C-alpha cells in the first residue's frame, strides 16, 4: 500500500496505467518546487494529488521569485476552496545556529575577456535592433551572455553549437545537444532546455551575417579561455587553504574548464546531470570520505545533498539569473547538523554585464533568507524571464521589498 517513486518514472504512460485506481490516503511530494514548471512532471503530480485525501508538499524554497510557479505549487491537487495550510520550521525553533558569512569577490577581467565581452555586447545590440527586441532573439542572447559571465570556454562551446545549427560547424560540433537529456534531473533539464530553445531561436540576422559575427566571437572567446579570470581567481582561493570546498556552476562546460585548470592541484569529485547514478554516488562518496577535498558540481547537487559533515565552504562561480538558487547552493552545507560557521563566496565579474541588477537581487535573497524566520513567501523577486528582459534590453526592473 506504500509507493515510493520519482515523478519522472511515474509520468511514463505505461507506469500510470498500472497505478491503483483508488484514492490515496496521503501523497507526499518532496522538493515540491521542482515539479512546478509547465511540464509533464507537474501534470502527473497534480493528477495524483487530486486523487489524494491529503497532500503534503515539502520544500525549503517554496517561492523562487516566479509568481506563476508559486501559483502552480499552491494549486497542486487542489479540488476546491480549501486554503493552503503552511507549516514552517524556523531557525529560531531549532535553537542557536552557527553564523553564515557571505563574501563577494569582484574579479578584474583580463584584456582578452574584456574584448570578448565588448564584441558580445556589440552582437547583442545588432541582434536587438534587427529583431526589434523579439523574445526569440532574447533567448539566444541570454544563452550567450549567461555563459560568457561563467567561463569563456562555455561561451565558445555554445557558439559552436549555434554555428552547427546554422550549418557552419566543424566536425566536433554535431547536433546531439538538441536531443533532451534522459537523466531526469530537473535543474539540469531546465538548463539544457534553455540552451536548446535559445540556440535554435531566430536572431533576426541573415545566416551569413550571423555566421560572420559568431566566428569572430568564438575566436575572441577561445583566446580569452587560455587565461580565464574567474577560473584563475578560484584557483588562487583554493591554493590558499586545505579546507574542503564545494564549487557550484550552472553549466557543464564551465565545470569542464574548471576541472582542467584544477587537475594538478588537489583531487576533486565531479557531479553533473550527465553522469549515471552509480558514477555520481562514487564521486560523492569520494568527497564525503575525504578521498577528495574539492567537489565541483552543477546545480544537480543543489538539492537533496547533505554535505554539512564534510564541508562548510561553498563557492558560487557565477550569479544565477534566478538568485534563489544561491540559497539552495549554500544550503548544502548550512544545514541543521552543521556545527561550524558556514561561508559562501560569490565570484562576480567586475563588468557592467554582471553588475547592478544581479547583485541587487542576489543580496536581497541572501539577506532575506539568512534566517528562515524572515517572510520567505513575501520575498518578492522578478521571474528569470523578467530579469532576462531587463538585462538584455537595458530596461528598468522593479522588485518589491
Protein backbone atom coordinates (compact mmCIF):
# COMPACT_ATOMS: atom_id res chain seq x y z
CA UNK A 1 0.00 0.00 0.00
CA UNK A 2 3.02 2.33 0.03
CA UNK A 3 4.63 3.59 -3.17
CA UNK A 4 7.97 5.41 -3.35
CA UNK A 5 8.94 6.67 -6.79
CA UNK A 6 10.23 9.62 -8.76
CA UNK A 7 7.85 11.83 -10.70
CA UNK A 8 9.83 11.20 -13.88
CA UNK A 9 9.32 7.46 -13.53
CA UNK A 10 5.62 7.76 -12.76
CA UNK A 11 4.90 10.15 -15.63
CA UNK A 12 5.52 7.41 -18.18
CA UNK A 13 2.15 6.35 -19.66
CA UNK A 14 2.64 2.61 -19.13
CA UNK A 15 3.52 3.23 -15.46
CA UNK A 16 0.49 5.45 -14.92
CA UNK A 17 -1.74 2.77 -16.42
CA UNK A 18 -0.55 0.34 -13.75
CA UNK A 19 -1.18 2.60 -10.77
CA UNK A 20 -4.03 1.79 -8.35
CA UNK A 21 -7.33 3.48 -9.30
CA UNK A 22 -8.39 4.05 -5.67
CA UNK A 23 -7.74 7.36 -3.87
CA UNK A 24 -4.56 7.68 -1.86
CA UNK A 25 -4.77 8.35 1.87
CA UNK A 26 -1.69 10.58 1.69
CA UNK A 27 0.56 11.78 -1.11
CA UNK A 28 3.91 13.35 -0.17
CA UNK A 29 5.85 15.31 -2.79
CA UNK A 30 9.41 16.09 -1.74
CA UNK A 31 11.25 19.09 -3.24
CA UNK A 32 7.82 20.17 -4.46
CA UNK A 33 9.11 23.37 -6.08
CA UNK A 34 10.89 21.16 -8.62
CA UNK A 35 7.65 19.95 -10.20
CA UNK A 36 6.05 23.35 -10.70
CA UNK A 37 7.20 24.09 -14.22
CA UNK A 38 4.97 23.78 -17.26
CA UNK A 39 5.75 20.11 -17.79
CA UNK A 40 4.55 16.50 -17.70
CA UNK A 41 6.02 16.31 -14.21
CA UNK A 42 3.56 18.92 -12.94
CA UNK A 43 0.57 17.38 -14.70
CA UNK A 44 1.36 14.00 -13.17
CA UNK A 45 1.72 15.36 -9.61
CA UNK A 46 -1.44 17.42 -9.97
CA UNK A 47 -3.37 14.40 -11.20
CA UNK A 48 -2.13 12.20 -8.34
CA UNK A 49 -2.76 14.97 -5.82
CA UNK A 50 -6.38 15.25 -6.91
CA UNK A 51 -6.84 11.58 -6.05
CA UNK A 52 -5.43 12.04 -2.53
CA UNK A 53 -7.34 12.66 0.68
CA UNK A 54 -4.34 14.62 1.94
CA UNK A 55 -1.46 16.17 0.01
CA UNK A 56 1.78 17.16 1.74
CA UNK A 57 4.27 19.35 -0.16
CA UNK A 58 7.79 19.53 1.23
CA UNK A 59 10.11 22.34 0.12
CA UNK A 60 12.64 24.71 1.62
CA UNK A 61 12.27 27.13 -1.30
CA UNK A 62 8.54 27.48 -1.98
CA UNK A 63 8.88 30.79 -3.80
CA UNK A 64 11.79 31.34 -6.20
CA UNK A 65 10.57 34.75 -7.27
CA UNK A 66 8.41 33.37 -10.06
CA UNK A 67 4.80 34.07 -9.09
CA UNK A 68 3.44 31.73 -11.78
CA UNK A 69 5.45 28.77 -10.43
CA UNK A 70 4.33 29.51 -6.88
CA UNK A 71 0.71 29.69 -8.03
CA UNK A 72 1.11 26.25 -9.62
CA UNK A 73 2.64 24.96 -6.39
CA UNK A 74 -0.30 26.25 -4.36
CA UNK A 75 -2.77 24.75 -6.85
CA UNK A 76 -1.28 21.24 -6.86
CA UNK A 77 -4.06 18.74 -6.25
CA UNK A 78 -6.49 21.46 -5.14
CA UNK A 79 -10.08 20.27 -5.53
CA UNK A 80 -11.90 23.22 -4.05
CA UNK A 81 -11.78 26.37 -1.94
CA UNK A 82 -9.66 24.86 0.84
CA UNK A 83 -6.81 27.22 1.73
CA UNK A 84 -3.24 26.04 1.55
CA UNK A 85 -2.01 25.35 5.08
CA UNK A 86 1.64 26.23 5.59
CA UNK A 87 3.83 24.78 8.34
CA UNK A 88 7.26 26.32 8.69
CA UNK A 89 10.23 25.30 10.78
CA UNK A 90 12.31 28.36 11.54
CA UNK A 91 15.90 28.59 12.67
CA UNK A 92 14.73 30.02 15.99
CA UNK A 93 12.72 26.87 16.70
CA UNK A 94 15.91 24.81 16.30
CA UNK A 95 17.90 26.80 18.81
CA UNK A 96 21.19 28.69 18.26
CA UNK A 97 22.87 28.08 14.89
CA UNK A 98 26.38 28.81 13.69
CA UNK A 99 26.58 32.07 11.73
CA UNK A 100 26.65 32.29 7.95
CA UNK A 101 29.22 34.55 6.30
CA UNK A 102 28.86 35.85 2.75
CA UNK A 103 31.84 37.26 0.87
CA UNK A 104 31.69 38.97 -2.52
CA UNK A 105 34.79 38.66 -4.71
CA UNK A 106 34.81 41.13 -7.61
CA UNK A 107 37.06 39.67 -10.32
CA UNK A 108 39.06 42.01 -12.54
CA UNK A 109 38.85 40.67 -16.08
CA UNK A 110 41.77 40.13 -18.44
CA UNK A 111 42.10 42.28 -21.55
CA UNK A 112 41.14 39.34 -23.76
CA UNK A 113 38.00 38.64 -21.72
CA UNK A 114 37.04 42.31 -21.78
CA UNK A 115 37.48 42.32 -25.56
CA UNK A 116 35.28 39.24 -25.93
CA UNK A 117 32.54 40.79 -23.78
CA UNK A 118 32.71 44.04 -25.76
CA UNK A 119 32.25 42.10 -29.00
CA UNK A 120 29.37 40.16 -27.44
CA UNK A 121 27.73 43.42 -26.38
CA UNK A 122 28.02 44.72 -29.97
CA UNK A 123 26.45 41.49 -31.22
CA UNK A 124 23.61 41.88 -28.72
CA UNK A 125 22.94 45.42 -29.93
CA UNK A 126 22.89 44.29 -33.56
CA UNK A 127 20.52 41.39 -32.90
CA UNK A 128 18.24 43.52 -30.71
CA UNK A 129 17.99 46.14 -33.45
CA UNK A 130 17.36 43.65 -36.26
CA UNK A 131 14.84 41.59 -34.29
CA UNK A 132 13.25 44.64 -32.65
CA UNK A 133 13.70 43.02 -29.26
CA UNK A 134 11.75 39.86 -30.13
CA UNK A 135 11.54 37.29 -27.33
CA UNK A 136 13.09 34.59 -29.55
CA UNK A 137 16.18 36.72 -30.08
CA UNK A 138 16.43 37.45 -26.35
CA UNK A 139 16.50 33.70 -25.65
CA UNK A 140 19.53 33.34 -27.92
CA UNK A 141 21.29 36.34 -26.39
CA UNK A 142 20.60 35.08 -22.87
CA UNK A 143 22.35 31.79 -23.63
CA UNK A 144 25.47 33.58 -24.80
CA UNK A 145 25.58 36.19 -22.05
CA UNK A 146 25.00 33.78 -19.17
CA UNK A 147 27.74 31.51 -20.40
CA UNK A 148 30.11 34.40 -21.08
CA UNK A 149 29.70 35.51 -17.47
CA UNK A 150 30.56 31.99 -16.34
CA UNK A 151 33.56 30.96 -18.48
CA UNK A 152 34.87 31.86 -21.91
CA UNK A 153 35.04 28.13 -22.65
CA UNK A 154 31.30 27.79 -22.04
CA UNK A 155 30.65 30.72 -24.37
CA UNK A 156 32.82 29.18 -27.09
CA UNK A 157 31.04 25.84 -26.82
CA UNK A 158 27.59 27.44 -27.13
CA UNK A 159 28.71 29.50 -30.11
CA UNK A 160 29.98 26.30 -31.72
CA UNK A 161 26.60 24.64 -31.24
CA UNK A 162 24.84 27.64 -32.75
CA UNK A 163 27.19 27.55 -35.75
CA UNK A 164 26.41 23.86 -36.16
CA UNK A 165 22.71 24.70 -36.11
CA UNK A 166 23.34 27.31 -38.82
CA UNK A 167 25.16 24.70 -40.89
CA UNK A 168 28.65 26.07 -40.31
CA UNK A 169 30.01 23.90 -37.52
CA UNK A 170 33.14 21.77 -37.70
CA UNK A 171 33.22 18.04 -37.26
CA UNK A 172 33.32 18.42 -33.48
CA UNK A 173 30.02 20.27 -33.47
CA UNK A 174 27.25 17.78 -34.07
CA UNK A 175 23.65 18.29 -33.13
CA UNK A 176 23.32 15.74 -30.31
CA UNK A 177 22.67 18.61 -27.86
CA UNK A 178 19.26 19.15 -29.48
CA UNK A 179 18.03 15.85 -28.03
CA UNK A 180 16.59 16.14 -24.49
CA UNK A 181 18.63 14.71 -21.63
CA UNK A 182 17.09 11.47 -20.34
CA UNK A 183 18.80 11.60 -16.93
CA UNK A 184 15.64 13.11 -15.41
CA UNK A 185 17.35 15.84 -13.37
CA UNK A 186 15.01 18.84 -13.01
CA UNK A 187 17.65 21.60 -12.77
CA UNK A 188 19.83 20.10 -15.48
CA UNK A 189 16.79 19.69 -17.71
CA UNK A 190 15.97 23.39 -17.26
CA UNK A 191 19.48 24.50 -18.22
CA UNK A 192 19.63 22.22 -21.24
CA UNK A 193 16.13 23.18 -22.34
CA UNK A 194 17.08 26.85 -22.16
CA UNK A 195 20.11 26.22 -24.35
CA UNK A 196 18.13 24.15 -26.88
CA UNK A 197 15.44 26.81 -27.11
CA UNK A 198 17.94 29.66 -27.33
CA UNK A 199 20.36 28.14 -29.81
CA UNK A 200 17.56 27.19 -32.20
CA UNK A 201 15.82 30.58 -32.00
CA UNK A 202 15.62 33.20 -34.72
CA UNK A 203 18.11 36.06 -34.33
CA UNK A 204 16.75 38.43 -36.99
CA UNK A 205 20.07 38.34 -38.87
CA UNK A 206 20.67 36.52 -42.11
CA UNK A 207 22.55 33.23 -41.70
CA UNK A 208 25.63 34.70 -43.43
CA UNK A 209 25.62 37.80 -41.17
CA UNK A 210 25.26 35.75 -38.03
CA UNK A 211 27.95 33.26 -39.02
CA UNK A 212 30.37 36.14 -39.57
CA UNK A 213 29.60 37.57 -36.13
CA UNK A 214 29.81 34.21 -34.38
CA UNK A 215 33.11 33.19 -35.92
CA UNK A 216 34.68 36.41 -34.66
CA UNK A 217 33.11 35.99 -31.24
CA UNK A 218 34.30 32.41 -30.97
CA UNK A 219 37.86 33.37 -31.87
CA UNK A 220 37.85 36.02 -29.13
CA UNK A 221 36.32 33.60 -26.61
CA UNK A 222 38.90 30.92 -27.41
CA UNK A 223 41.72 33.41 -26.90
CA UNK A 224 40.26 34.57 -23.58
CA UNK A 225 39.73 30.98 -22.42
CA UNK A 226 43.50 30.48 -22.17
CA UNK A 227 43.59 32.84 -19.19
CA UNK A 228 40.08 32.92 -17.77
CA UNK A 229 39.97 35.47 -14.96
CA UNK A 230 37.30 33.79 -12.83
CA UNK A 231 38.94 30.37 -13.05
CA UNK A 232 42.28 31.86 -12.04
CA UNK A 233 40.66 33.60 -9.05
CA UNK A 234 39.05 30.31 -7.99
CA UNK A 235 42.38 28.51 -8.30
CA UNK A 236 44.02 31.18 -6.12
CA UNK A 237 41.33 30.82 -3.44
CA UNK A 238 41.72 27.05 -3.36
CA UNK A 239 45.52 27.28 -3.25
CA UNK A 240 45.41 29.31 -0.03
CA UNK A 241 43.74 26.63 2.10
CA UNK A 242 43.30 22.91 2.61
CA UNK A 243 39.67 23.43 3.63
CA UNK A 244 37.15 21.16 1.83
CA UNK A 245 35.29 23.26 -0.71
CA UNK A 246 32.12 22.89 -2.79
CA UNK A 247 32.10 24.81 -6.08
CA UNK A 248 28.83 25.32 -7.94
CA UNK A 249 28.49 26.40 -11.55
CA UNK A 250 25.36 26.43 -13.66
CA UNK A 251 26.95 24.96 -16.79
CA UNK A 252 28.62 21.65 -17.50
CA UNK A 253 31.01 23.29 -19.98
CA UNK A 254 32.24 25.59 -17.21
CA UNK A 255 32.64 22.56 -14.97
CA UNK A 256 34.89 21.00 -17.61
CA UNK A 257 37.04 24.15 -17.85
CA UNK A 258 37.38 24.43 -14.06
CA UNK A 259 38.26 20.75 -13.74
CA UNK A 260 41.01 21.09 -16.34
CA UNK A 261 42.55 24.06 -14.53
CA UNK A 262 42.48 22.39 -11.10
CA UNK A 263 43.52 18.90 -12.13
CA UNK A 264 47.10 19.36 -10.89
CA UNK A 265 46.19 20.98 -7.57
CA UNK A 266 44.01 18.93 -5.26
CA UNK A 267 41.92 15.83 -6.08
CA UNK A 268 38.33 16.73 -6.96
CA UNK A 269 34.99 14.97 -7.27
CA UNK A 270 32.72 15.90 -10.17
CA UNK A 271 28.90 15.91 -10.13
CA UNK A 272 26.67 16.77 -13.09
CA UNK A 273 23.42 15.61 -14.65
CA UNK A 274 25.08 13.70 -17.49
CA UNK A 275 26.51 11.08 -15.14
CA UNK A 276 24.76 7.81 -14.43
CA UNK A 277 23.58 7.34 -10.81
CA UNK A 278 26.38 4.89 -9.94
CA UNK A 279 29.15 7.25 -11.04
CA UNK A 280 27.50 10.12 -9.21
CA UNK A 281 27.35 8.12 -5.98
CA UNK A 282 31.01 7.16 -6.36
CA UNK A 283 32.06 10.76 -6.88
CA UNK A 284 30.03 11.95 -3.89
CA UNK A 285 31.39 9.17 -1.69
CA UNK A 286 34.96 10.13 -2.57
CA UNK A 287 34.30 13.66 -1.35
CA UNK A 288 32.46 12.65 1.80
CA UNK A 289 35.08 10.08 2.91
CA UNK A 290 37.97 12.51 2.38
CA UNK A 291 39.48 10.90 -0.71
CA UNK A 292 38.93 14.22 -2.49
CA UNK A 293 38.75 17.68 -0.93
CA UNK A 294 37.02 19.59 -3.76
CA UNK A 295 33.50 18.97 -5.05
CA UNK A 296 32.80 20.56 -8.43
CA UNK A 297 29.11 20.44 -9.24
CA UNK A 298 26.34 21.83 -11.36
CA UNK A 299 23.01 22.52 -9.69
CA UNK A 300 22.18 18.84 -9.93
CA UNK A 301 23.81 18.87 -6.46
CA UNK A 302 21.86 21.95 -5.39
CA UNK A 303 19.07 19.93 -3.82
CA UNK A 304 18.86 16.96 -1.51
CA UNK A 305 22.55 16.58 -0.61
CA UNK A 306 23.75 16.75 2.98
CA UNK A 307 27.34 17.96 2.91
CA UNK A 308 27.48 19.64 6.32
CA UNK A 309 29.55 16.88 7.96
CA UNK A 310 32.31 17.30 5.39
CA UNK A 311 32.31 20.95 4.34
CA UNK A 312 31.29 24.43 5.39
CA UNK A 313 32.52 26.48 2.40
CA UNK A 314 30.59 26.96 -0.85
CA UNK A 315 31.75 28.99 -3.86
CA UNK A 316 29.17 30.19 -6.37
CA UNK A 317 31.12 30.57 -9.60
CA UNK A 318 28.55 32.92 -11.14
CA UNK A 319 25.44 34.85 -10.10
CA UNK A 320 22.41 32.83 -11.24
CA UNK A 321 19.71 34.79 -13.06
CA UNK A 322 17.36 33.09 -10.62
CA UNK A 323 19.04 34.35 -7.42
CA UNK A 324 17.02 31.98 -5.20
CA UNK A 325 19.38 29.27 -6.45
CA UNK A 326 22.10 30.78 -4.26
CA UNK A 327 20.16 29.71 -1.18
CA UNK A 328 19.98 26.15 -2.50
CA UNK A 329 23.73 26.12 -3.04
CA UNK A 330 24.75 27.38 0.41
CA UNK A 331 22.01 25.19 1.87
CA UNK A 332 24.06 22.06 1.11
CA UNK A 333 26.40 22.90 3.99
CA UNK A 334 24.27 25.29 6.08
CA UNK A 335 22.04 22.55 7.47
CA UNK A 336 20.62 21.54 10.84
CA UNK A 337 23.56 19.34 11.88
CA UNK A 338 26.19 21.92 10.93
CA UNK A 339 28.29 22.83 13.97
CA UNK A 340 30.68 25.38 12.37
CA UNK A 341 30.19 28.78 10.76
CA UNK A 342 29.41 28.44 7.07
CA UNK A 343 30.87 30.51 4.25
CA UNK A 344 29.51 31.49 0.86
CA UNK A 345 31.89 33.09 -1.63
CA UNK A 346 30.44 34.71 -4.74
CA UNK A 347 32.69 35.36 -7.72
CA UNK A 348 31.41 38.39 -9.63
CA UNK A 349 32.92 39.76 -12.84
CA UNK A 350 33.91 43.39 -12.46
CA UNK A 351 31.90 44.31 -15.53
CA UNK A 352 28.59 46.03 -16.22
CA UNK A 353 27.14 42.82 -17.65
CA UNK A 354 27.18 41.17 -14.21
CA UNK A 355 26.84 44.25 -12.06
CA UNK A 356 23.87 46.21 -10.83
CA UNK A 357 20.68 44.25 -11.11
CA UNK A 358 22.03 40.75 -10.47
CA UNK A 359 24.00 41.84 -7.43
CA UNK A 360 20.99 43.74 -6.08
CA UNK A 361 18.68 40.76 -6.41
CA UNK A 362 21.23 38.31 -5.03
CA UNK A 363 21.93 40.44 -1.97
CA UNK A 364 18.20 40.66 -1.26
CA UNK A 365 17.74 36.91 -1.45
CA UNK A 366 20.69 36.15 0.81
CA UNK A 367 19.66 38.78 3.34
CA UNK A 368 16.01 37.73 3.45
CA UNK A 369 16.73 34.01 3.64
CA UNK A 370 19.63 34.14 6.03
CA UNK A 371 17.11 33.14 8.66
CA UNK A 372 14.01 31.17 7.83
CA UNK A 373 12.15 33.40 10.26
CA UNK A 374 12.16 36.02 7.50
CA UNK A 375 8.99 36.06 5.49
CA UNK A 376 10.28 33.82 2.72
CA UNK A 377 6.96 33.81 0.92
CA UNK A 378 6.97 37.58 0.98
CA UNK A 379 10.33 37.96 -0.72
CA UNK A 380 9.06 39.36 -4.00
CA UNK A 381 11.51 38.75 -6.82
CA UNK A 382 11.08 39.15 -10.56
CA UNK A 383 10.97 35.97 -12.60
CA UNK A 384 14.00 34.91 -14.59
CA UNK A 385 12.18 35.96 -17.75
CA UNK A 386 11.83 39.49 -16.35
CA UNK A 387 15.49 39.52 -15.35
CA UNK A 388 16.47 38.41 -18.85
CA UNK A 389 14.38 41.15 -20.43
CA UNK A 390 15.77 43.83 -18.13
CA UNK A 391 19.39 42.83 -18.63
CA UNK A 392 19.27 42.43 -22.40
CA UNK A 393 17.04 45.40 -23.14
CA UNK A 394 18.75 47.64 -20.58
CA UNK A 395 15.35 48.40 -19.11
CA UNK A 396 14.46 49.13 -15.52
CA UNK A 397 13.00 46.43 -13.33
CA UNK A 398 11.11 46.75 -10.09
CA UNK A 399 11.29 44.20 -7.31
CA UNK A 400 9.25 44.89 -4.20
CA UNK A 401 10.66 44.58 -0.75
